[in-house]
Amino acid sequence: MSLPINKSDDFLFYKTLNEDVKLKSNKHSKYDIQMSNGDYVNVTGQESLKNAIIIAIMTRYNELNDIPIYDNFGCRVHELIKVRQTGMTRYKMELFITDVLENMRRIKEINNIEINDESHSYFVKYSVTSIDDELINDGVTL
């Protein structure tokens, strides 16, 4: 049995955005790897970039330091999770997330980052332009 060939437009025309394992969010904003028939579900193109952004933001800064290619990977936003919700806290979060997104090679430009307070959490809405000039609007709850 051979593996199926991916003939989607994302795979054929947006290869520079790479391929990734699909993440699925539950009602508590926790992400896990999506499985189907006992195997990973892969995503390409824009979905791959959305996953990469979520992974980068949700990974604590230097959490993966034991793996040499991930030196200085992750986001410092987790340092602010238990800090009182103020305008300054949101501003620092925006700076930390901007820093992470600027270091992603697949992102050409950060268009907008908006952080909204929710009870005991934050919702981060972002808009970026990928290196393929595709506009991506998405969000993540911290």
C-alpha atoms as a PDB file:
ATOM      1  CA  MET A   1       0.000   0.000   0.000  1.00  0.00           C
ATOM      2  CA  SER A   2       1.392   3.390  -0.914  1.00  0.00           C
ATOM      3  CA  LEU A   3       0.742   6.742   0.690  1.00  0.00           C
ATOM      4  CA  PRO A   4      -1.864   8.960  -0.977  1.00  0.00           C
ATOM      5  CA  ILE A   5      -0.570  11.815  -3.115  1.00  0.00           C
ATOM      6  CA  ASN A   6      -1.606  15.266  -1.917  1.00  0.00           C
ATOM      7  CA  LYS A   7      -2.936  17.205  -4.915  1.00  0.00           C
ATOM      8  CA  SER A   8      -4.466  20.139  -3.026  1.00  0.00           C
ATOM      9  CA  ASP A   9      -3.758  23.706  -4.147  1.00  0.00           C
ATOM     10  CA  ASP A  10      -2.132  24.449  -0.784  1.00  0.00           C
ATOM     11  CA  PHE A  11       0.351  21.620  -1.305  1.00  0.00           C
ATOM     12  CA  LEU A  12       1.019  22.362  -4.980  1.00  0.00           C
ATOM     13  CA  PHE A  13       1.241  26.167  -4.858  1.00  0.00           C
ATOM     14  CA  TYR A  14       2.181  27.079  -1.273  1.00  0.00           C
ATOM     15  CA  LYS A  15       5.010  24.648  -0.527  1.00  0.00           C
ATOM     16  CA  THR A  16       7.116  27.464   0.886  1.00  0.00           C
ATOM     17  CA  LEU A  17       4.691  27.568   3.827  1.00  0.00           C
ATOM     18  CA  ASN A  18       5.730  23.971   4.620  1.00  0.00           C
ATOM     19  CA  GLU A  19       3.747  21.017   5.893  1.00  0.00           C
ATOM     20  CA  ASP A  20       2.749  20.365   9.489  1.00  0.00           C
ATOM     21  CA  VAL A  21       0.660  18.171  11.753  1.00  0.00           C
ATOM     22  CA  LYS A  22      -2.859  19.544  12.268  1.00  0.00           C
ATOM     23  CA  LEU A  23      -3.693  20.937  15.707  1.00  0.00           C
ATOM     24  CA  LYS A  24      -7.176  20.872  17.175  1.00  0.00           C
ATOM     25  CA  SER A  25      -8.428  23.129  19.957  1.00  0.00           C
ATOM     26  CA  ASN A  26     -10.873  21.961  22.607  1.00  0.00           C
ATOM     27  CA  LYS A  27     -13.402  24.100  24.499  1.00  0.00           C
ATOM     28  CA  HIS A  28     -10.738  25.019  27.071  1.00  0.00           C
ATOM     29  CA  SER A  29      -8.336  26.375  24.400  1.00  0.00           C
ATOM     30  CA  LYS A  30      -5.931  23.476  24.804  1.00  0.00           C
ATOM     31  CA  TYR A  31      -4.375  22.235  21.577  1.00  0.00           C
ATOM     32  CA  ASP A  32      -3.629  18.651  20.658  1.00  0.00           C
ATOM     33  CA  ILE A  33      -2.491  16.805  17.553  1.00  0.00           C
ATOM     34  CA  GLN A  34      -5.374  15.807  15.275  1.00  0.00           C
ATOM     35  CA  MET A  35      -5.511  12.063  14.561  1.00  0.00           C
ATOM     36  CA  SER A  36      -7.457  10.103  11.934  1.00  0.00           C
ATOM     37  CA  ASN A  37      -7.454   6.317  11.627  1.00  0.00           C
ATOM     38  CA  GLY A  38      -4.528   6.115  14.057  1.00  0.00           C
ATOM     39  CA  ASP A  39      -2.327   8.467  12.031  1.00  0.00           C
ATOM     40  CA  TYR A  40      -1.480  12.172  12.080  1.00  0.00           C
ATOM     41  CA  VAL A  41      -3.516  14.554   9.940  1.00  0.00           C
ATOM     42  CA  ASN A  42      -1.209  16.765   7.874  1.00  0.00           C
ATOM     43  CA  VAL A  43      -1.878  20.316   6.769  1.00  0.00           C
ATOM     44  CA  THR A  44      -0.101  22.427   4.189  1.00  0.00           C
ATOM     45  CA  GLY A  45      -0.041  26.027   3.048  1.00  0.00           C
ATOM     46  CA  GLN A  46      -1.962  28.551   5.121  1.00  0.00           C
ATOM     47  CA  GLU A  47      -3.162  25.954   7.643  1.00  0.00           C
ATOM     48  CA  SER A  48       0.457  24.950   8.216  1.00  0.00           C
ATOM     49  CA  LEU A  49       1.429  28.552   8.920  1.00  0.00           C
ATOM     50  CA  LYS A  50      -1.508  28.957  11.342  1.00  0.00           C
ATOM     51  CA  ASN A  51      -0.308  25.845  13.205  1.00  0.00           C
ATOM     52  CA  ALA A  52       3.257  27.138  13.288  1.00  0.00           C
ATOM     53  CA  ILE A  53       2.096  30.442  14.781  1.00  0.00           C
ATOM     54  CA  ILE A  54       0.051  28.654  17.448  1.00  0.00           C
ATOM     55  CA  ILE A  55       2.986  26.380  18.298  1.00  0.00           C
ATOM     56  CA  ALA A  56       5.403  29.307  18.525  1.00  0.00           C
ATOM     57  CA  ILE A  57       3.103  31.369  20.763  1.00  0.00           C
ATOM     58  CA  MET A  58       2.015  28.472  22.978  1.00  0.00           C
ATOM     59  CA  THR A  59       5.565  27.166  23.565  1.00  0.00           C
ATOM     60  CA  ARG A  60       7.288  28.735  26.553  1.00  0.00           C
ATOM     61  CA  TYR A  61      10.494  30.589  25.709  1.00  0.00           C
ATOM     62  CA  ASN A  62      13.492  28.194  25.817  1.00  0.00           C
ATOM     63  CA  GLU A  63      11.246  25.236  26.705  1.00  0.00           C
ATOM     64  CA  LEU A  64      12.884  23.217  23.913  1.00  0.00           C
ATOM     65  CA  ASN A  65      16.448  24.337  24.692  1.00  0.00           C
ATOM     66  CA  ASP A  66      17.645  20.716  24.912  1.00  0.00           C
ATOM     67  CA  ILE A  67      17.173  20.434  21.138  1.00  0.00           C
ATOM     68  CA  PRO A  68      19.899  22.520  19.420  1.00  0.00           C
ATOM     69  CA  ILE A  69      17.775  23.717  16.474  1.00  0.00           C
ATOM     70  CA  TYR A  70      15.218  25.138  18.926  1.00  0.00           C
ATOM     71  CA  ASP A  71      17.574  27.398  20.888  1.00  0.00           C
ATOM     72  CA  ASN A  72      15.702  30.582  21.876  1.00  0.00           C
ATOM     73  CA  PHE A  73      12.437  29.183  20.474  1.00  0.00           C
ATOM     74  CA  GLY A  74       9.095  30.051  22.010  1.00  0.00           C
ATOM     75  CA  CYS A  75       7.285  33.044  23.420  1.00  0.00           C
ATOM     76  CA  ARG A  76       7.844  34.959  26.653  1.00  0.00           C
ATOM     77  CA  VAL A  77       4.123  35.775  26.893  1.00  0.00           C
ATOM     78  CA  HIS A  78       3.730  33.003  29.479  1.00  0.00           C
ATOM     79  CA  GLU A  79       5.656  35.124  31.975  1.00  0.00           C
ATOM     80  CA  LEU A  80       2.648  37.478  32.046  1.00  0.00           C
ATOM     81  CA  ILE A  81      -0.227  35.008  32.375  1.00  0.00           C
ATOM     82  CA  LYS A  82      -0.710  35.493  36.131  1.00  0.00           C
ATOM     83  CA  VAL A  83       0.058  39.202  36.106  1.00  0.00           C
ATOM     84  CA  ARG A  84      -2.869  41.543  36.686  1.00  0.00           C
ATOM     85  CA  GLN A  85      -4.746  42.369  33.470  1.00  0.00           C
ATOM     86  CA  THR A  86      -3.780  45.951  32.622  1.00  0.00           C
ATOM     87  CA  GLY A  87      -2.982  47.972  29.548  1.00  0.00           C
ATOM     88  CA  MET A  88       0.743  47.576  30.262  1.00  0.00           C
ATOM     89  CA  THR A  89       0.398  43.785  30.485  1.00  0.00           C
ATOM     90  CA  ARG A  90      -1.388  43.689  27.113  1.00  0.00           C
ATOM     91  CA  TYR A  91       1.324  45.937  25.631  1.00  0.00           C
ATOM     92  CA  LYS A  92       4.101  43.615  26.866  1.00  0.00           C
ATOM     93  CA  MET A  93       2.207  40.613  25.510  1.00  0.00           C
ATOM     94  CA  GLU A  94       1.949  42.322  22.148  1.00  0.00           C
ATOM     95  CA  LEU A  95       5.717  42.969  22.140  1.00  0.00           C
ATOM     96  CA  PHE A  96       6.508  39.333  23.008  1.00  0.00           C
ATOM     97  CA  ILE A  97       4.160  37.978  20.326  1.00  0.00           C
ATOM     98  CA  THR A  98       5.467  40.453  17.749  1.00  0.00           C
ATOM     99  CA  ASP A  99       9.008  39.278  18.496  1.00  0.00           C
ATOM    100  CA  VAL A 100       8.008  35.638  17.921  1.00  0.00           C
ATOM    101  CA  LEU A 101       6.210  36.394  14.660  1.00  0.00           C
ATOM    102  CA  GLU A 102       9.075  38.532  13.334  1.00  0.00           C
ATOM    103  CA  ASN A 103      11.439  35.576  13.809  1.00  0.00           C
ATOM    104  CA  MET A 104       9.312  33.242  11.680  1.00  0.00           C
ATOM    105  CA  ARG A 105      10.771  32.931   8.189  1.00  0.00           C
ATOM    106  CA  ARG A 106       7.371  32.139   6.650  1.00  0.00           C
ATOM    107  CA  ILE A 107       5.946  35.536   7.679  1.00  0.00           C
ATOM    108  CA  LYS A 108       6.590  38.486   5.409  1.00  0.00           C
ATOM    109  CA  GLU A 109       4.710  41.127   7.427  1.00  0.00           C
ATOM    110  CA  ILE A 110       2.734  41.465  10.647  1.00  0.00           C
ATOM    111  CA  ASN A 111      -0.401  43.445   9.834  1.00  0.00           C
ATOM    112  CA  ASN A 112      -2.101  43.549  13.211  1.00  0.00           C
ATOM    113  CA  ILE A 113      -2.056  42.057  16.710  1.00  0.00           C
ATOM    114  CA  GLU A 114      -5.032  42.629  18.997  1.00  0.00           C
ATOM    115  CA  ILE A 115      -5.184  41.347  22.577  1.00  0.00           C
ATOM    116  CA  ASN A 116      -8.524  41.232  24.381  1.00  0.00           C
ATOM    117  CA  ASP A 117      -9.061  40.442  28.057  1.00  0.00           C
ATOM    118  CA  GLU A 118     -11.412  37.626  28.852  1.00  0.00           C
ATOM    119  CA  SER A 119     -12.169  36.410  32.349  1.00  0.00           C
ATOM    120  CA  HIS A 120      -8.875  34.894  33.540  1.00  0.00           C
ATOM    121  CA  SER A 121      -7.490  34.610  30.003  1.00  0.00           C
ATOM    122  CA  TYR A 122      -6.589  36.587  26.883  1.00  0.00           C
ATOM    123  CA  PHE A 123      -7.653  36.232  23.274  1.00  0.00           C
ATOM    124  CA  VAL A 124      -4.912  37.151  20.805  1.00  0.00           C
ATOM    125  CA  LYS A 125      -6.125  38.002  17.324  1.00  0.00           C
ATOM    126  CA  TYR A 126      -3.467  38.386  14.659  1.00  0.00           C
ATOM    127  CA  SER A 127      -3.226  39.168  10.978  1.00  0.00           C
ATOM    128  CA  VAL A 128      -0.067  38.397   9.021  1.00  0.00           C
ATOM    129  CA  THR A 129       1.009  38.275   5.407  1.00  0.00           C
ATOM    130  CA  SER A 130       2.902  35.121   4.511  1.00  0.00           C
ATOM    131  CA  ILE A 131       5.947  35.041   2.244  1.00  0.00           C
ATOM    132  CA  ASP A 132       3.539  33.988  -0.528  1.00  0.00           C
ATOM    133  CA  ASP A 133       1.559  37.239  -0.090  1.00  0.00           C
ATOM    134  CA  GLU A 134      -1.418  35.389   1.413  1.00  0.00           C
ATOM    135  CA  LEU A 135      -3.294  37.208   4.171  1.00  0.00           C
ATOM    136  CA  ILE A 136      -3.893  35.090   7.282  1.00  0.00           C
ATOM    137  CA  ASN A 137      -6.263  36.180  10.032  1.00  0.00           C
ATOM    138  CA  ASP A 138      -6.603  33.944  13.071  1.00  0.00           C
ATOM    139  CA  GLY A 139      -6.476  33.968  16.829  1.00  0.00           C
ATOM    140  CA  VAL A 140      -5.426  32.008  19.897  1.00  0.00           C
ATOM    141  CA  THR A 141      -6.627  32.026  23.499  1.00  0.00           C
ATOM    142  CA  LEU A 142      -3.980  32.164  26.222  1.00  0.00           C
END
